[in-house]
Amino acid sequence: MEKIIKISSEQGSFDLSGTKNLCDFIIPASGDVIDLSESHVSINYNLARRNNNVAAAVYNNFLNINDAGTDNLERENVGLVRNVEMVSSKFGMIESIKDVNKLRENLKQYEQSVAEKDGRDMGSTSSRNFRSTYKPQPSTELYSFGDELSRERDASLKLPLKDLMNSCKMSSYPTDGNSTRLHLEFELQKLAVGTETINNFDTLSKFGDGVLFKTMDDANGGAAIAAPITQVTTTAEYADLVDSPWYTNMPVTISANNGGAGAAPIAGTNRVLAIERNAGNDKLVLTLETAIGTGGNTLTDIEVEIDAANIAAGSITINKIELVAKVNPAPEKLPMVYSTYIAQNDSYSAVQNVSRNYDIPPLCKNVYIMFDTHVNSVENNLQSYRLYVDNEAMTNRDVRVNSPLHYELVSRVFQNNNSRVHNLTERINNIFSTAERNGEANASIAPKVIMAPVPFKQVPQRLVVELNGSAALAGRHVVFMEVMRSK
């Protein structure tokens, strides 16, 4: 039977103020052997964002990481951890990585294919949606059929230890006579509430029929209604409910042509109470909380859309943060051999051409250069670069960004780590940009990371970096040196 140990953080409370970001765990000297590769930090949270007019209604909310105003982008959970450290009473300092969010967030863009990003589990921040119109989110329980009302619920964000530190890729970490402190500095203030509205449903359904999500059939076949109605029928047909944007407890607004007399009167925001199949086809019948129209009305051109105008302010509550450690029932006694990273931050004048010098520590095998002051490495003006180690040029010419030589260096770094590149698009997309949903903004950013293997030596070396821009460069980057360690 699988054995799990849950360790509460030493700190009692956390919030989004920016002043309660430090988190420590003590792995006791219990004698258990921990599988660090299957262990993770769990952040249990609750999202709240409702409708200002209908308090009971819920939106399809998701947890987002907002970094310097770049919202609704694909994010990695590790983007929340600025610095990480692991210290053992037996092995001493195992790893201490500064700016680990910048390092890991950018490397993940090369380590995960588009399909792998889309297939992440429910313990992740929102990822791009390819399969369903409304991607299921861990903090919302949405029902697209029946009369069970959708609701908000507590959820957990999962941060695998192996995504933070390479030493945590080992499956047999001994705790016999060995207590370990894991220290993390979060950036919880970057957490934000995202809400899916599909452009207020003023968006074409993905079936190629030219029908907007919000379009409804005329009431009573276009004839006058005998009394106020509480049901409307979608014009679009949904053979599979994953294609439907509708869910129970959704706050909506409604408009209709009232027999040529203008919009039918609506008393505030309405709410979807139930969803069922229409008889004889794949259209959906929406049951509304508040009846619309009056007897004698001819309701045509009916449109129902999510109420995006009355979204209340969102809030995030951090309930607890735990270390979930998995015990290895069949451990192997293996040496601790791993790589870790030394960060060197550099800033300089915003000029077009830059030459900088850095010390390469002993046992270094790869170098990475990441730009800008934020998590994602973006330098749109970078045109080419060249690297020298101990006055030896690493390439026989300047390396142009996006050139085959640039991608060859990236691939060689991964090969140096006995791995392979899964993605060379160098593109972080808006999570709403999908092939199925026309009309959505295709906002994205293009991260750029300089990578190169370096001669593996037991003595220090000297690195010279030359950067050439099409215009002035931002004037800030961080150099990560990947070095080998053993315990």
Protein backbone atom coordinates (compact mmCIF):
# COMPACT_ATOMS: atom_id res chain seq x y z
CA MET A 1 0.00 0.00 0.00
CA GLU A 2 1.25 3.47 -0.91
CA LYS A 3 2.38 5.52 2.08
CA ILE A 4 2.10 9.30 2.02
CA ILE A 5 3.40 11.71 4.65
CA LYS A 6 1.80 15.16 4.83
CA ILE A 7 3.91 17.83 6.49
CA SER A 8 2.34 21.17 7.38
CA SER A 9 4.30 24.36 6.80
CA GLU A 10 6.06 25.95 9.73
CA GLN A 11 4.20 29.18 8.97
CA GLY A 12 0.57 29.28 10.10
CA SER A 13 -1.00 31.53 7.48
CA PHE A 14 -0.49 32.93 3.98
CA ASP A 15 -2.14 35.64 1.96
CA LEU A 16 -1.70 37.74 -1.18
CA SER A 17 -0.33 40.83 0.57
CA GLY A 18 3.26 40.04 -0.45
CA THR A 19 4.35 39.96 3.22
CA LYS A 20 3.51 36.29 3.92
CA ASN A 21 5.46 34.53 1.20
CA LEU A 22 8.01 32.51 3.20
CA CYS A 23 7.29 28.81 3.65
CA ASP A 24 9.34 26.13 5.45
CA PHE A 25 8.90 22.39 5.82
CA ILE A 26 10.84 20.10 8.13
CA ILE A 27 11.19 16.50 6.90
CA PRO A 28 11.90 14.67 10.16
CA ALA A 29 14.57 12.04 10.70
CA SER A 30 11.95 9.29 10.75
CA GLY A 31 13.90 6.55 9.04
CA ASP A 32 11.60 6.54 6.02
CA VAL A 33 13.06 6.72 2.53
CA ILE A 34 11.33 9.47 0.57
CA ASP A 35 10.64 9.34 -3.17
CA LEU A 36 11.29 13.01 -3.87
CA SER A 37 10.49 12.54 -7.56
CA GLU A 38 6.87 11.76 -6.61
CA SER A 39 6.56 14.34 -3.83
CA HIS A 40 5.08 17.81 -4.16
CA VAL A 41 4.03 20.99 -2.38
CA SER A 42 0.26 21.44 -2.26
CA ILE A 43 -1.34 24.89 -2.01
CA ASN A 44 -4.99 24.52 -1.02
CA TYR A 45 -7.03 27.57 -1.99
CA ASN A 46 -10.49 28.92 -2.65
CA LEU A 47 -11.54 31.29 -5.42
CA ALA A 48 -14.54 33.57 -5.11
CA ARG A 49 -15.95 35.66 -7.92
CA ARG A 50 -19.69 36.05 -8.32
CA ASN A 51 -22.23 38.26 -10.08
CA ASN A 52 -23.07 41.63 -8.53
CA ASN A 53 -26.79 41.19 -9.19
CA VAL A 54 -27.32 37.45 -8.65
CA ALA A 55 -25.22 36.36 -5.70
CA ALA A 56 -25.95 32.67 -6.13
CA ALA A 57 -24.73 32.51 -9.74
CA VAL A 58 -21.15 31.38 -10.44
CA TYR A 59 -18.63 31.97 -13.20
CA ASN A 60 -16.10 29.57 -14.66
CA ASN A 61 -13.20 30.93 -12.62
CA PHE A 62 -9.63 29.72 -12.67
CA LEU A 63 -6.41 30.45 -10.85
CA ASN A 64 -4.02 32.58 -12.84
CA ILE A 65 -0.52 33.99 -12.39
CA ASN A 66 -0.35 37.65 -13.36
CA ASP A 67 3.24 38.73 -13.93
CA ALA A 68 3.72 42.42 -14.71
CA GLY A 69 0.26 42.77 -16.22
CA THR A 70 0.58 39.79 -18.60
CA ASP A 71 -2.64 38.01 -17.74
CA ASN A 72 -4.35 34.90 -19.15
CA LEU A 73 -1.12 33.37 -20.47
CA GLU A 74 -0.10 29.75 -20.10
CA ARG A 75 1.70 29.59 -16.77
CA GLU A 76 3.67 26.99 -14.90
CA ASN A 77 3.01 26.38 -11.22
CA VAL A 78 6.71 26.83 -10.45
CA GLY A 79 6.29 30.46 -11.54
CA LEU A 80 5.05 31.12 -8.00
CA VAL A 81 8.38 30.21 -6.35
CA ARG A 82 11.03 32.90 -6.51
CA ASN A 83 13.77 31.20 -4.48
CA VAL A 84 14.15 27.67 -3.15
CA GLU A 85 16.58 25.99 -0.78
CA MET A 86 17.02 22.51 0.68
CA VAL A 87 19.35 21.91 3.65
CA SER A 88 20.05 18.56 5.29
CA SER A 89 21.52 17.81 8.71
CA LYS A 90 23.50 14.98 7.07
CA PHE A 91 24.40 16.36 3.62
CA GLY A 92 24.49 20.08 4.40
CA MET A 93 23.34 22.48 1.67
CA ILE A 94 21.86 20.38 -1.11
CA GLU A 95 20.51 23.12 -3.37
CA SER A 96 19.90 26.87 -3.19
CA ILE A 97 18.50 28.38 -6.39
CA LYS A 98 17.70 32.06 -6.84
CA ASP A 99 15.13 33.14 -9.44
CA VAL A 100 14.04 29.53 -9.82
CA ASN A 101 10.70 30.71 -11.26
CA LYS A 102 12.47 32.40 -14.15
CA LEU A 103 14.69 29.40 -14.77
CA ARG A 104 11.98 26.76 -14.66
CA GLU A 105 9.19 28.73 -16.30
CA ASN A 106 11.31 29.34 -19.39
CA LEU A 107 12.86 25.88 -19.58
CA LYS A 108 9.36 24.38 -19.39
CA GLN A 109 8.57 26.02 -22.73
CA TYR A 110 11.14 23.69 -24.33
CA GLU A 111 10.43 20.65 -22.14
CA GLN A 112 6.70 20.38 -22.86
CA SER A 113 4.99 19.93 -26.20
CA VAL A 114 1.69 21.70 -26.89
CA ALA A 115 -0.16 18.43 -26.25
CA GLU A 116 1.68 17.92 -22.95
CA LYS A 117 0.72 21.42 -21.81
CA ASP A 118 -2.90 20.83 -22.66
CA GLY A 119 -2.88 17.49 -20.87
CA ARG A 120 -1.69 18.78 -17.51
CA ASP A 121 -3.66 17.57 -14.51
CA MET A 122 -6.21 19.51 -12.49
CA GLY A 123 -3.55 20.59 -10.00
CA SER A 124 -2.27 23.17 -12.48
CA THR A 125 -3.07 26.76 -13.25
CA SER A 126 -5.18 27.09 -16.36
CA SER A 127 -3.63 25.78 -19.56
CA ARG A 128 -4.63 26.25 -23.16
CA ASN A 129 -7.88 24.66 -24.18
CA PHE A 130 -8.06 22.42 -27.26
CA ARG A 131 -10.73 19.87 -26.46
CA SER A 132 -13.67 21.56 -24.76
CA THR A 133 -15.29 24.96 -25.10
CA TYR A 134 -15.11 25.44 -21.36
CA LYS A 135 -12.00 23.77 -19.98
CA PRO A 136 -12.90 22.22 -16.60
CA GLN A 137 -11.18 24.11 -13.80
CA PRO A 138 -10.23 22.69 -10.40
CA SER A 139 -11.92 25.51 -8.48
CA THR A 140 -15.32 25.18 -10.20
CA GLU A 141 -17.71 22.27 -10.50
CA LEU A 142 -19.72 22.99 -13.65
CA TYR A 143 -22.71 20.95 -14.81
CA SER A 144 -23.55 21.20 -18.50
CA PHE A 145 -26.69 19.05 -18.23
CA GLY A 146 -29.50 18.51 -15.75
CA ASP A 147 -30.66 20.67 -12.84
CA GLU A 148 -27.75 20.23 -10.42
CA LEU A 149 -26.43 23.75 -9.82
CA SER A 150 -22.78 24.46 -10.59
CA ARG A 151 -20.71 25.61 -7.63
CA GLU A 152 -17.32 26.79 -6.43
CA ARG A 153 -15.11 24.49 -4.39
CA ASP A 154 -11.73 24.36 -2.68
CA ALA A 155 -8.88 23.19 -4.90
CA SER A 156 -5.17 22.48 -4.64
CA LEU A 157 -2.26 23.74 -6.71
CA LYS A 158 0.46 21.14 -7.11
CA LEU A 159 4.18 22.04 -7.28
CA PRO A 160 6.28 18.90 -7.91
CA LEU A 161 9.62 19.08 -6.12
CA LYS A 162 11.39 17.70 -9.21
CA ASP A 163 10.20 20.80 -11.11
CA LEU A 164 12.02 23.00 -8.61
CA MET A 165 15.28 21.16 -7.94
CA ASN A 166 17.18 18.49 -9.85
CA SER A 167 18.21 16.79 -6.59
CA CYS A 168 14.52 16.05 -6.06
CA LYS A 169 14.48 13.76 -9.09
CA MET A 170 15.91 11.01 -6.89
CA SER A 171 13.55 8.28 -5.72
CA SER A 172 15.43 7.16 -2.59
CA TYR A 173 16.18 10.02 -0.21
CA PRO A 174 17.19 8.71 3.26
CA THR A 175 15.87 10.30 6.45
CA ASP A 176 17.56 7.92 8.90
CA GLY A 177 19.40 10.31 11.23
CA ASN A 178 18.82 13.04 8.66
CA SER A 179 16.31 15.86 9.08
CA THR A 180 15.84 18.19 6.12
CA ARG A 181 14.55 21.74 5.83
CA LEU A 182 12.87 22.80 2.60
CA HIS A 183 12.58 26.58 2.29
CA LEU A 184 10.53 28.35 -0.39
CA GLU A 185 9.97 32.02 -1.06
CA PHE A 186 6.67 32.32 -2.90
CA GLU A 187 5.28 35.21 -4.89
CA LEU A 188 1.67 34.66 -3.86
CA GLN A 189 0.85 38.28 -4.63
CA LYS A 190 0.94 37.34 -8.33
CA LEU A 191 -2.02 35.01 -7.98
CA ALA A 192 -5.15 36.31 -9.70
CA VAL A 193 -8.67 35.16 -10.47
CA GLY A 194 -9.35 34.58 -14.16
CA THR A 195 -12.87 34.28 -15.55
CA GLU A 196 -13.92 32.62 -18.81
CA THR A 197 -16.51 34.59 -20.79
CA ILE A 198 -15.77 33.57 -24.43
CA ASN A 199 -16.06 37.22 -25.54
CA ASN A 200 -19.50 37.41 -23.88
CA PHE A 201 -20.62 34.57 -26.21
CA ASP A 202 -20.47 36.93 -29.18
CA THR A 203 -18.35 34.19 -30.75
CA LEU A 204 -18.98 31.70 -33.53
CA SER A 205 -19.60 28.14 -32.46
CA LYS A 206 -16.92 25.84 -33.80
CA PHE A 207 -19.10 23.82 -36.16
CA GLY A 208 -18.67 25.98 -39.28
CA ASP A 209 -22.37 26.87 -39.37
CA GLY A 210 -21.92 30.61 -38.78
CA VAL A 211 -24.00 30.51 -35.57
CA LEU A 212 -22.99 32.55 -32.53
CA PHE A 213 -23.06 30.84 -29.16
CA LYS A 214 -25.59 33.38 -27.88
CA THR A 215 -28.14 32.90 -30.70
CA MET A 216 -31.46 31.31 -29.67
CA ASP A 217 -34.46 30.09 -31.70
CA ASP A 218 -37.55 32.27 -31.89
CA ALA A 219 -39.95 31.58 -29.03
CA ASN A 220 -42.99 29.43 -29.93
CA GLY A 221 -41.75 29.08 -33.51
CA GLY A 222 -42.06 32.84 -34.05
CA ALA A 223 -45.72 32.96 -33.04
CA ALA A 224 -47.09 34.98 -30.13
CA ILE A 225 -46.53 33.45 -26.71
CA ALA A 226 -49.49 32.85 -24.41
CA ALA A 227 -47.65 33.78 -21.20
CA PRO A 228 -44.16 34.70 -19.95
CA ILE A 229 -41.62 31.97 -20.80
CA THR A 230 -38.82 30.44 -18.75
CA GLN A 231 -37.22 28.30 -21.46
CA VAL A 232 -35.20 29.20 -24.56
CA THR A 233 -33.62 26.87 -27.13
CA THR A 234 -30.13 27.25 -28.62
CA THR A 235 -29.86 27.60 -32.39
CA ALA A 236 -26.56 25.70 -32.41
CA GLU A 237 -26.68 21.94 -31.99
CA TYR A 238 -24.29 20.22 -29.59
CA ALA A 239 -23.81 16.54 -30.35
CA ASP A 240 -21.17 16.48 -27.60
CA LEU A 241 -21.72 18.55 -24.45
CA VAL A 242 -18.01 19.38 -24.21
CA ASP A 243 -18.63 21.73 -27.14
CA SER A 244 -21.30 23.62 -25.21
CA PRO A 245 -20.45 26.80 -23.26
CA TRP A 246 -23.65 26.53 -21.19
CA TYR A 247 -23.74 25.33 -17.60
CA THR A 248 -26.24 25.52 -14.76
CA ASN A 249 -26.08 28.47 -12.36
CA MET A 250 -24.60 30.66 -15.10
CA PRO A 251 -25.41 34.39 -14.82
CA VAL A 252 -26.80 35.58 -18.17
CA THR A 253 -28.38 38.58 -19.87
CA ILE A 254 -31.12 38.25 -22.45
CA SER A 255 -32.36 40.41 -25.30
CA ALA A 256 -35.08 39.81 -27.89
CA ASN A 257 -37.12 41.55 -30.55
CA ASN A 258 -40.62 41.94 -29.11
CA GLY A 259 -42.77 41.80 -32.23
CA GLY A 260 -41.10 44.88 -33.65
CA ALA A 261 -41.52 46.79 -30.39
CA GLY A 262 -37.85 46.62 -29.38
CA ALA A 263 -36.12 44.56 -26.72
CA ALA A 264 -38.25 42.47 -24.41
CA PRO A 265 -38.12 43.80 -20.82
CA ILE A 266 -35.61 42.00 -18.62
CA ALA A 267 -35.54 42.44 -14.83
CA GLY A 268 -31.80 42.51 -14.14
CA THR A 269 -29.47 39.55 -14.65
CA ASN A 270 -31.02 36.14 -15.21
CA ARG A 271 -29.70 32.71 -14.27
CA VAL A 272 -29.68 29.29 -15.94
CA LEU A 273 -31.30 26.75 -13.61
CA ALA A 274 -31.37 23.66 -15.82
CA ILE A 275 -30.23 22.35 -19.22
CA GLU A 276 -31.81 19.54 -21.25
CA ARG A 277 -31.83 18.20 -24.80
CA ASN A 278 -34.42 19.51 -27.21
CA ALA A 279 -36.77 16.85 -28.56
CA GLY A 280 -35.70 15.52 -31.94
CA ASN A 281 -32.30 17.24 -32.31
CA ASP A 282 -29.10 18.19 -30.48
CA LYS A 283 -30.14 21.69 -29.50
CA LEU A 284 -30.16 22.57 -25.80
CA VAL A 285 -33.11 23.94 -23.83
CA LEU A 286 -32.09 26.43 -21.11
CA THR A 287 -34.43 26.90 -18.16
CA LEU A 288 -34.21 30.43 -16.74
CA GLU A 289 -34.79 31.62 -13.19
CA THR A 290 -36.81 34.68 -14.24
CA ALA A 291 -39.51 34.52 -16.91
CA ILE A 292 -39.23 36.83 -19.91
CA GLY A 293 -41.86 38.48 -22.10
CA THR A 294 -45.61 38.69 -21.53
CA GLY A 295 -48.63 37.07 -23.11
CA GLY A 296 -49.06 38.21 -26.69
CA ASN A 297 -45.38 39.01 -27.24
CA THR A 298 -43.66 37.70 -30.36
CA LEU A 299 -40.10 37.05 -29.18
CA THR A 300 -37.65 36.76 -32.07
CA ASP A 301 -33.90 37.37 -32.45
CA ILE A 302 -33.41 36.08 -28.91
CA GLU A 303 -29.86 36.28 -27.61
CA VAL A 304 -28.59 34.86 -24.33
CA GLU A 305 -25.04 35.53 -23.21
CA ILE A 306 -22.99 35.36 -20.06
CA ASP A 307 -23.26 38.51 -17.96
CA ALA A 308 -19.75 39.91 -18.27
CA ALA A 309 -20.76 43.43 -17.25
CA ASN A 310 -21.56 42.63 -13.61
CA ILE A 311 -18.64 40.42 -12.62
CA ALA A 312 -17.77 41.10 -8.99
CA ALA A 313 -14.23 41.57 -7.75
CA GLY A 314 -12.46 38.27 -7.20
CA SER A 315 -10.75 37.04 -4.05
CA ILE A 316 -8.32 34.22 -3.28
CA THR A 317 -7.99 32.53 0.09
CA ILE A 318 -4.96 30.36 0.85
CA ASN A 319 -6.29 27.71 3.22
CA LYS A 320 -3.05 25.82 3.84
CA ILE A 321 0.25 24.79 2.26
CA GLU A 322 1.53 21.25 2.78
CA LEU A 323 4.41 19.07 1.68
CA VAL A 324 3.06 15.79 0.37
CA ALA A 325 5.94 13.30 0.59
CA LYS A 326 5.69 9.81 -0.86
CA VAL A 327 7.53 7.01 0.94
CA ASN A 328 9.46 4.58 -1.25
CA PRO A 329 8.61 1.04 -0.07
CA ALA A 330 11.48 -0.54 -2.03
CA PRO A 331 14.36 1.94 -1.85
CA GLU A 332 17.73 1.61 -3.53
CA LYS A 333 20.94 2.89 -2.00
CA LEU A 334 22.18 5.28 -4.66
CA PRO A 335 24.72 8.12 -4.57
CA MET A 336 23.37 11.65 -4.79
CA VAL A 337 24.63 13.00 -8.11
CA TYR A 338 22.72 15.90 -9.60
CA SER A 339 23.08 19.28 -11.25
CA THR A 340 22.05 22.60 -9.77
CA TYR A 341 22.11 26.23 -10.87
CA ILE A 342 24.03 29.34 -9.88
CA ALA A 343 22.36 32.61 -10.90
CA GLN A 344 24.22 35.80 -11.78
CA ASN A 345 21.96 38.81 -12.30
CA ASP A 346 23.32 41.61 -14.47
CA SER A 347 22.05 45.06 -15.41
CA TYR A 348 23.54 47.60 -17.81
CA SER A 349 22.64 50.62 -19.89
CA ALA A 350 19.94 50.18 -22.52
CA VAL A 351 22.24 50.02 -25.56
CA GLN A 352 22.10 48.15 -28.85
CA ASN A 353 25.33 46.14 -28.53
CA VAL A 354 26.53 44.63 -25.24
CA SER A 355 29.63 42.72 -24.17
CA ARG A 356 29.67 41.20 -20.66
CA ASN A 357 32.06 38.91 -18.73
CA TYR A 358 31.22 36.22 -16.18
CA ASP A 359 33.04 33.62 -14.12
CA ILE A 360 32.13 30.01 -14.89
CA PRO A 361 32.46 27.86 -11.74
CA PRO A 362 34.16 24.46 -11.79
CA LEU A 363 32.14 21.44 -12.95
CA CYS A 364 29.82 23.62 -15.02
CA LYS A 365 28.29 21.94 -18.08
CA ASN A 366 25.66 24.39 -19.45
CA VAL A 367 24.92 28.10 -19.41
CA TYR A 368 21.53 29.79 -19.88
CA ILE A 369 20.83 33.48 -20.42
CA MET A 370 17.33 34.79 -19.71
CA PHE A 371 16.18 38.35 -20.22
CA ASP A 372 14.03 41.05 -18.66
CA THR A 373 13.00 41.68 -15.06
CA HIS A 374 9.91 39.46 -15.17
CA VAL A 375 9.51 35.70 -15.19
CA ASN A 376 9.23 35.15 -18.93
CA SER A 377 12.47 35.72 -20.85
CA VAL A 378 11.47 38.30 -23.45
CA GLU A 379 13.88 40.48 -25.44
CA ASN A 380 12.21 41.38 -28.73
CA ASN A 381 15.15 43.51 -29.88
CA LEU A 382 17.72 40.72 -29.61
CA GLN A 383 19.00 39.97 -33.10
CA SER A 384 22.14 37.86 -32.63
CA TYR A 385 24.68 36.80 -30.01
CA ARG A 386 28.06 35.15 -29.62
CA LEU A 387 29.66 33.30 -26.70
CA TYR A 388 33.33 32.82 -25.82
CA VAL A 389 34.81 30.52 -23.15
CA ASP A 390 38.38 31.34 -22.12
CA ASN A 391 38.70 33.41 -25.32
CA GLU A 392 37.61 30.47 -27.48
CA ALA A 393 34.55 31.19 -29.65
CA MET A 394 31.84 28.56 -29.16
CA THR A 395 30.60 29.05 -32.74
CA ASN A 396 32.34 30.07 -35.95
CA ARG A 397 29.90 32.95 -36.51
CA ASP A 398 27.32 35.08 -34.76
CA VAL A 399 24.22 33.13 -33.78
CA ARG A 400 21.09 34.74 -35.15
CA VAL A 401 17.93 34.40 -33.08
CA ASN A 402 15.56 31.75 -34.50
CA SER A 403 18.27 30.41 -36.79
CA PRO A 404 19.09 26.70 -37.14
CA LEU A 405 22.30 27.32 -35.21
CA HIS A 406 20.32 28.86 -32.34
CA TYR A 407 18.11 25.76 -32.10
CA GLU A 408 21.12 23.46 -32.48
CA LEU A 409 22.66 24.99 -29.35
CA VAL A 410 19.37 24.52 -27.50
CA SER A 411 19.25 20.87 -28.57
CA ARG A 412 22.86 20.28 -27.55
CA VAL A 413 22.12 21.52 -24.03
CA PHE A 414 19.26 19.06 -23.70
CA GLN A 415 21.43 16.27 -25.08
CA ASN A 416 24.06 17.23 -22.51
CA ASN A 417 21.38 16.51 -19.88
CA ASN A 418 20.41 13.17 -21.44
CA SER A 419 17.12 14.68 -22.54
CA ARG A 420 15.51 16.04 -25.66
CA VAL A 421 13.64 19.16 -26.71
CA HIS A 422 9.87 18.75 -26.93
CA ASN A 423 8.98 22.20 -28.23
CA LEU A 424 10.88 24.80 -30.31
CA THR A 425 7.99 27.17 -31.03
CA GLU A 426 9.24 29.63 -28.36
CA ARG A 427 5.71 30.90 -27.90
CA ILE A 428 3.60 31.34 -24.75
CA ASN A 429 -0.01 31.59 -25.82
CA ASN A 430 -3.10 33.14 -24.36
CA ILE A 431 -5.04 30.29 -22.76
CA PHE A 432 -8.15 31.30 -24.76
CA SER A 433 -6.41 31.00 -28.16
CA THR A 434 -7.70 27.77 -29.64
CA ALA A 435 -8.36 26.43 -33.09
CA GLU A 436 -11.98 25.70 -32.24
CA ARG A 437 -13.02 29.12 -30.97
CA ASN A 438 -13.10 31.81 -33.63
CA GLY A 439 -12.97 35.43 -32.61
CA GLU A 440 -10.78 35.04 -29.55
CA ALA A 441 -7.79 37.33 -29.20
CA ASN A 442 -4.56 35.51 -30.05
CA ALA A 443 -2.39 37.40 -27.61
CA SER A 444 0.93 35.69 -26.92
CA ILE A 445 4.54 36.45 -26.08
CA ALA A 446 7.74 35.08 -27.60
CA PRO A 447 10.30 34.09 -24.95
CA LYS A 448 13.94 33.83 -25.97
CA VAL A 449 16.56 31.87 -24.04
CA ILE A 450 20.22 31.63 -24.98
CA MET A 451 21.57 28.18 -24.15
CA ALA A 452 24.93 26.56 -24.76
CA PRO A 453 27.00 23.67 -23.41
CA VAL A 454 30.43 24.63 -22.06
CA PRO A 455 33.62 22.55 -21.70
CA PHE A 456 33.29 20.49 -18.52
CA LYS A 457 36.33 21.28 -16.36
CA GLN A 458 37.29 21.11 -12.70
CA VAL A 459 38.70 24.64 -12.79
CA PRO A 460 36.99 28.03 -13.21
CA GLN A 461 36.57 29.43 -16.71
CA ARG A 462 35.69 32.79 -18.20
CA LEU A 463 32.55 33.47 -20.22
CA VAL A 464 32.19 36.44 -22.58
CA VAL A 465 28.72 37.23 -23.89
CA GLU A 466 28.18 39.53 -26.86
CA LEU A 467 24.60 40.61 -27.59
CA ASN A 468 23.51 42.51 -30.70
CA GLY A 469 20.09 44.11 -30.99
CA SER A 470 18.01 45.62 -33.76
CA ALA A 471 17.43 48.45 -31.27
CA ALA A 472 18.41 49.14 -27.66
CA LEU A 473 18.25 46.07 -25.42
CA ALA A 474 16.33 46.26 -22.14
CA GLY A 475 19.52 46.23 -20.08
CA ARG A 476 18.86 43.34 -17.73
CA HIS A 477 19.38 39.58 -17.84
CA VAL A 478 20.32 36.67 -15.61
CA VAL A 479 22.95 34.03 -16.39
CA PHE A 480 22.35 30.56 -14.97
CA MET A 481 25.33 28.23 -14.67
CA GLU A 482 24.39 24.54 -14.43
CA VAL A 483 26.97 22.78 -12.27
CA MET A 484 27.35 19.19 -11.08
CA ARG A 485 27.14 18.23 -7.40
CA SER A 486 27.48 14.98 -5.46
CA LYS A 487 26.80 14.06 -1.84
